[in-house]
Amino acid sequence: MRLIDSHCHLDAGEFDADRDAVIERAARAGVVVQVIPAVTASTFNALAELCRGRHDLFAAYGLHPIYLDQHGDNDIDVVRDTILREGAIAIGECGLDFFVAGLDPDRQRRLFDAQLKLAREFELPLILHARRAVDEVILRLRRIGGLRGVVHSFSGSSVQARQLFQLGFHLGIGGPVTYERAQRLRGLIATMPIEHLLLESDAPDQPNASARGARNEPASIIEVAEVIAGLRGVDVATIAAATSANAIRLFRLDQAGVTA
């Protein structure tokens, strides 16, 4: 099986001591591609260097709402300049977070809208964070128009999911679906259109139920695929093939020689 991790922070400091070994474990598990979204402009250069010349690591550049206090007034220009210089397969991780206290919602909105406009300008997909903000994210996607992408770690309702599908967006699903208590999420994943589903690890965060409390790794998405296969009553190879094809189509990975 060939798996694609559509959301992994392999550039995070948690992997500094053994990054090569993490990549090797992922490859042995069948993970042939990792999409690595940046979170602050200060990490762009190191991420570009990590991915440069590789066929299995692909960078996205964006400004994460959680790190609002680390974003400068000119960082949107840094996103643009980095894409022009390095190329990118997506813009992100970006979005809105109305869960964490103290994050100025209006400044979040301004940065988010600016990144939506960049995505439309460059014709790139978006990797979105939407925590307690799915309705407003949908509203802003509609307002800009002509966008596509994935809502990472989706935890919204089936109604919100259908609205996102209609806009051309995917759901990124990882560790949370492996927890038996996640009944609403499991019910959605069991019945949603397979063409809108992506696998993700969000490593080093969001470990599977079998590894709760541990550092997460991209190799863990094989277990996510197995759980989803069980929920949908199909074999895991079917989930691997469908989600890999979805990722290749969304991120246009075929232009880099990636095949399902």
Protein backbone atom coordinates (compact mmCIF):
# COMPACT_ATOMS: atom_id res chain seq x y z
CA MET A 1 0.00 0.00 0.00
CA ARG A 2 1.05 3.57 -0.71
CA LEU A 3 -0.12 6.14 1.83
CA ILE A 4 0.07 9.94 1.83
CA ASP A 5 0.25 11.88 5.06
CA SER A 6 -1.53 15.10 4.10
CA HIS A 7 -0.53 16.97 7.29
CA CYS A 8 2.67 16.40 9.23
CA HIS A 9 4.91 18.88 11.06
CA LEU A 10 8.11 16.96 10.38
CA ASP A 11 10.07 20.20 10.71
CA ALA A 12 9.09 20.54 14.39
CA GLY A 13 11.77 20.50 17.04
CA GLU A 14 10.42 17.24 18.47
CA PHE A 15 12.01 15.48 15.48
CA ASP A 16 15.42 17.14 15.60
CA ALA A 17 17.10 14.17 17.29
CA ASP A 18 15.85 11.43 14.94
CA ARG A 19 14.17 12.98 11.89
CA ASP A 20 15.84 10.61 9.41
CA ALA A 21 14.72 7.58 11.43
CA VAL A 22 11.15 8.94 11.54
CA ILE A 23 11.17 9.29 7.75
CA GLU A 24 12.51 5.76 7.39
CA ARG A 25 9.84 4.31 9.69
CA ALA A 26 7.19 6.11 7.68
CA ALA A 27 8.56 4.72 4.43
CA ARG A 28 8.54 1.17 5.85
CA ALA A 29 4.88 1.69 6.81
CA GLY A 30 4.07 2.65 3.22
CA VAL A 31 3.97 6.43 3.65
CA VAL A 32 5.40 7.62 0.34
CA VAL A 33 4.63 11.35 0.74
CA GLN A 34 4.41 13.78 3.63
CA VAL A 35 2.87 17.23 3.20
CA ILE A 36 4.50 19.61 5.70
CA PRO A 37 2.65 22.87 6.41
CA ALA A 38 4.56 25.70 8.06
CA VAL A 39 3.09 27.64 10.97
CA THR A 40 5.24 30.79 11.20
CA ALA A 41 7.38 32.74 8.74
CA SER A 42 10.44 32.13 10.90
CA THR A 43 10.35 28.43 9.94
CA PHE A 44 10.00 28.88 6.18
CA ASN A 45 13.68 28.71 5.25
CA ALA A 46 14.37 25.59 7.33
CA LEU A 47 11.28 23.88 5.90
CA ALA A 48 12.33 24.73 2.35
CA GLU A 49 15.76 23.24 3.03
CA LEU A 50 14.23 20.07 4.53
CA CYS A 51 12.10 19.46 1.43
CA ARG A 52 14.54 20.62 -1.24
CA GLY A 53 15.34 17.94 -3.81
CA ARG A 54 13.18 15.26 -2.16
CA HIS A 55 10.42 13.23 -3.79
CA ASP A 56 8.66 12.38 -0.50
CA LEU A 57 8.51 15.69 1.41
CA PHE A 58 6.48 18.66 0.16
CA ALA A 59 6.18 22.08 1.77
CA ALA A 60 3.26 24.43 2.28
CA TYR A 61 3.72 27.93 3.66
CA GLY A 62 1.28 29.75 5.88
CA LEU A 63 0.62 31.61 9.14
CA HIS A 64 -1.16 29.56 11.81
CA PRO A 65 -3.68 31.45 13.97
CA ILE A 66 -2.38 29.88 17.18
CA TYR A 67 0.94 31.68 16.72
CA LEU A 68 -0.68 35.06 16.13
CA ASP A 69 1.78 36.89 18.38
CA GLN A 70 4.68 35.62 16.25
CA HIS A 71 3.33 36.97 12.96
CA GLY A 72 4.69 40.32 11.84
CA ASP A 73 2.79 42.91 9.87
CA ASN A 74 4.74 42.03 6.72
CA ASP A 75 4.61 38.25 7.02
CA ILE A 76 2.00 37.92 4.27
CA ASP A 77 4.67 39.33 1.96
CA VAL A 78 7.08 36.70 3.29
CA VAL A 79 4.56 33.97 2.39
CA ARG A 80 4.27 35.38 -1.12
CA ASP A 81 8.03 35.77 -1.59
CA THR A 82 8.72 32.25 -0.31
CA ILE A 83 6.21 30.73 -2.73
CA LEU A 84 7.73 32.66 -5.61
CA ARG A 85 11.24 31.60 -4.62
CA GLU A 86 10.74 28.02 -3.44
CA GLY A 87 7.43 26.91 -4.91
CA ALA A 88 4.77 25.25 -2.75
CA ILE A 89 2.02 22.69 -3.05
CA ALA A 90 -0.38 24.59 -0.76
CA ILE A 91 -0.87 27.60 1.46
CA GLY A 92 -1.12 26.76 5.13
CA GLU A 93 -1.45 25.96 7.84
CA CYS A 94 -3.79 28.90 8.18
CA GLY A 95 -7.29 29.52 9.43
CA LEU A 96 -9.20 30.67 12.49
CA ASP A 97 -9.12 29.55 16.12
CA PHE A 98 -11.83 30.79 18.47
CA PHE A 99 -11.00 28.20 21.14
CA VAL A 100 -7.68 29.49 22.49
CA ALA A 101 -8.16 32.54 24.72
CA GLY A 102 -6.37 35.77 23.92
CA LEU A 103 -6.12 35.44 20.12
CA ASP A 104 -7.38 38.68 18.57
CA PRO A 105 -10.24 37.51 16.31
CA ASP A 106 -10.11 40.53 14.02
CA ARG A 107 -6.38 40.16 13.38
CA GLN A 108 -6.93 36.46 12.76
CA ARG A 109 -9.55 37.33 10.17
CA ARG A 110 -7.31 39.81 8.39
CA LEU A 111 -4.44 37.33 8.14
CA PHE A 112 -6.76 34.54 7.07
CA ASP A 113 -8.42 36.59 4.33
CA ALA A 114 -5.02 37.67 3.03
CA GLN A 115 -3.95 34.03 2.76
CA LEU A 116 -7.20 33.07 1.03
CA LYS A 117 -6.47 35.73 -1.56
CA LEU A 118 -2.94 34.39 -2.01
CA ALA A 119 -4.34 30.90 -2.57
CA ARG A 120 -6.62 32.20 -5.28
CA GLU A 121 -3.83 34.25 -6.84
CA PHE A 122 -1.40 31.33 -6.99
CA GLU A 123 -4.13 28.74 -7.68
CA LEU A 124 -2.95 26.71 -4.70
CA PRO A 125 -5.02 24.60 -2.31
CA LEU A 126 -5.39 25.59 1.32
CA ILE A 127 -4.54 23.62 4.45
CA LEU A 128 -6.96 24.97 7.01
CA HIS A 129 -7.19 25.05 10.79
CA ALA A 130 -10.74 25.67 12.03
CA ARG A 131 -11.38 25.24 15.73
CA ARG A 132 -14.76 26.48 16.96
CA ALA A 133 -14.72 28.49 13.74
CA VAL A 134 -15.96 26.16 10.99
CA ASP A 135 -19.01 28.25 10.12
CA GLU A 136 -16.99 31.43 9.77
CA VAL A 137 -14.30 29.65 7.77
CA ILE A 138 -17.00 28.44 5.36
CA LEU A 139 -18.41 31.97 5.13
CA ARG A 140 -15.01 33.43 4.24
CA LEU A 141 -14.27 30.69 1.71
CA ARG A 142 -17.54 31.51 -0.03
CA ARG A 143 -16.82 35.23 0.07
CA ILE A 144 -13.46 34.85 -1.69
CA GLY A 145 -14.57 32.03 -4.01
CA GLY A 146 -12.63 29.85 -6.41
CA LEU A 147 -10.76 27.99 -3.66
CA ARG A 148 -10.03 24.36 -2.82
CA GLY A 149 -8.23 22.57 -0.03
CA VAL A 150 -8.54 20.53 3.14
CA VAL A 151 -9.84 21.28 6.63
CA HIS A 152 -7.28 19.61 8.84
CA SER A 153 -8.41 17.61 11.90
CA PHE A 154 -12.05 18.18 11.06
CA SER A 155 -14.33 18.05 14.09
CA GLY A 156 -17.44 19.76 12.79
CA SER A 157 -20.92 18.55 11.97
CA SER A 158 -22.18 16.58 8.99
CA VAL A 159 -23.97 19.71 7.77
CA GLN A 160 -20.71 21.68 7.84
CA ALA A 161 -18.93 18.81 6.11
CA ARG A 162 -21.46 18.82 3.27
CA GLN A 163 -21.02 22.57 2.86
CA LEU A 164 -17.26 22.08 2.59
CA PHE A 165 -17.66 19.31 0.03
CA GLN A 166 -19.81 21.62 -2.09
CA LEU A 167 -17.01 24.19 -1.97
CA GLY A 168 -14.47 21.63 -3.16
CA PHE A 169 -12.83 20.96 0.20
CA HIS A 170 -11.62 17.74 1.79
CA LEU A 171 -11.56 16.57 5.41
CA GLY A 172 -8.23 15.66 6.96
CA ILE A 173 -8.68 12.74 9.37
CA GLY A 174 -6.09 11.38 11.76
CA GLY A 175 -5.64 10.16 15.33
CA PRO A 176 -8.96 11.38 16.79
CA VAL A 177 -10.93 8.86 14.71
CA THR A 178 -9.09 6.00 16.43
CA TYR A 179 -10.73 6.87 19.78
CA GLU A 180 -13.95 4.94 20.40
CA ARG A 181 -15.50 7.93 22.17
CA ALA A 182 -15.35 9.98 18.94
CA GLN A 183 -18.77 8.70 17.89
CA ARG A 184 -19.91 11.75 15.90
CA LEU A 185 -16.66 11.85 13.93
CA ARG A 186 -16.75 8.10 13.34
CA GLY A 187 -20.31 8.29 12.08
CA LEU A 188 -19.39 11.03 9.62
CA ILE A 189 -16.32 9.17 8.34
CA ALA A 190 -18.31 5.96 7.91
CA THR A 191 -20.69 7.56 5.42
CA MET A 192 -19.00 10.59 3.84
CA PRO A 193 -18.06 10.58 0.14
CA ILE A 194 -14.67 8.88 -0.10
CA GLU A 195 -13.46 11.37 -2.70
CA HIS A 196 -13.29 14.08 0.00
CA LEU A 197 -11.24 12.11 2.53
CA LEU A 198 -7.53 12.59 3.31
CA LEU A 199 -5.35 10.82 5.87
CA GLU A 200 -3.14 12.84 8.20
CA SER A 201 -0.98 12.33 11.25
CA ASP A 202 -0.51 15.93 12.49
CA ALA A 203 2.72 14.54 13.96
CA PRO A 204 4.13 15.15 16.49
CA ASP A 205 0.63 15.92 17.81
CA GLN A 206 -2.65 13.96 17.96
CA PRO A 207 -1.37 10.40 18.53
CA ASN A 208 -3.65 7.44 17.93
CA ALA A 209 -5.55 5.84 20.80
CA SER A 210 -2.99 3.03 20.90
CA ALA A 211 -0.19 5.53 21.59
CA ARG A 212 -1.92 8.20 23.65
CA GLY A 213 0.52 10.53 25.37
CA ALA A 214 3.37 9.62 23.03
CA ARG A 215 4.98 11.62 20.24
CA ASN A 216 3.09 10.96 17.04
CA GLU A 217 4.79 9.97 13.77
CA PRO A 218 3.70 9.81 10.11
CA ALA A 219 3.87 6.00 10.20
CA SER A 220 0.77 6.09 12.42
CA ILE A 221 -1.57 6.80 9.52
CA ILE A 222 -1.62 3.11 8.61
CA GLU A 223 -3.62 2.55 11.81
CA VAL A 224 -5.88 5.50 10.93
CA ALA A 225 -6.51 3.88 7.53
CA GLU A 226 -7.30 0.56 9.21
CA VAL A 227 -9.83 2.15 11.58
CA ILE A 228 -11.51 4.02 8.72
CA ALA A 229 -11.64 0.82 6.67
CA GLY A 230 -13.39 -0.91 9.55
CA LEU A 231 -15.90 1.91 9.92
CA ARG A 232 -16.70 1.82 6.20
CA GLY A 233 -16.69 -1.97 5.87
CA VAL A 234 -13.96 -2.12 3.22
CA ASP A 235 -10.39 -3.36 3.14
CA VAL A 236 -7.57 -1.03 4.12
CA ALA A 237 -6.07 -1.12 0.62
CA THR A 238 -9.23 0.56 -0.68
CA ILE A 239 -8.84 3.41 1.81
CA ALA A 240 -5.14 3.76 1.03
CA ALA A 241 -5.73 3.92 -2.72
CA ALA A 242 -8.64 6.36 -2.50
CA THR A 243 -7.06 8.79 -0.05
CA SER A 244 -3.74 8.77 -1.90
CA ALA A 245 -5.52 9.51 -5.18
CA ASN A 246 -7.38 12.34 -3.45
CA ALA A 247 -4.17 13.88 -2.13
CA ILE A 248 -2.44 13.58 -5.50
CA ARG A 249 -5.36 15.32 -7.18
CA LEU A 250 -5.73 18.08 -4.58
CA PHE A 251 -2.04 18.95 -4.29
CA ARG A 252 -1.26 18.15 -7.94
CA LEU A 253 1.46 15.79 -6.80
CA ASP A 254 1.40 14.05 -10.16
CA GLN A 255 3.33 17.06 -11.47
CA ALA A 256 6.14 15.97 -9.12
CA GLY A 257 5.96 12.36 -10.31
CA VAL A 258 3.89 10.98 -7.42
CA THR A 259 1.53 8.16 -8.36
CA ALA A 260 -1.13 6.38 -6.31
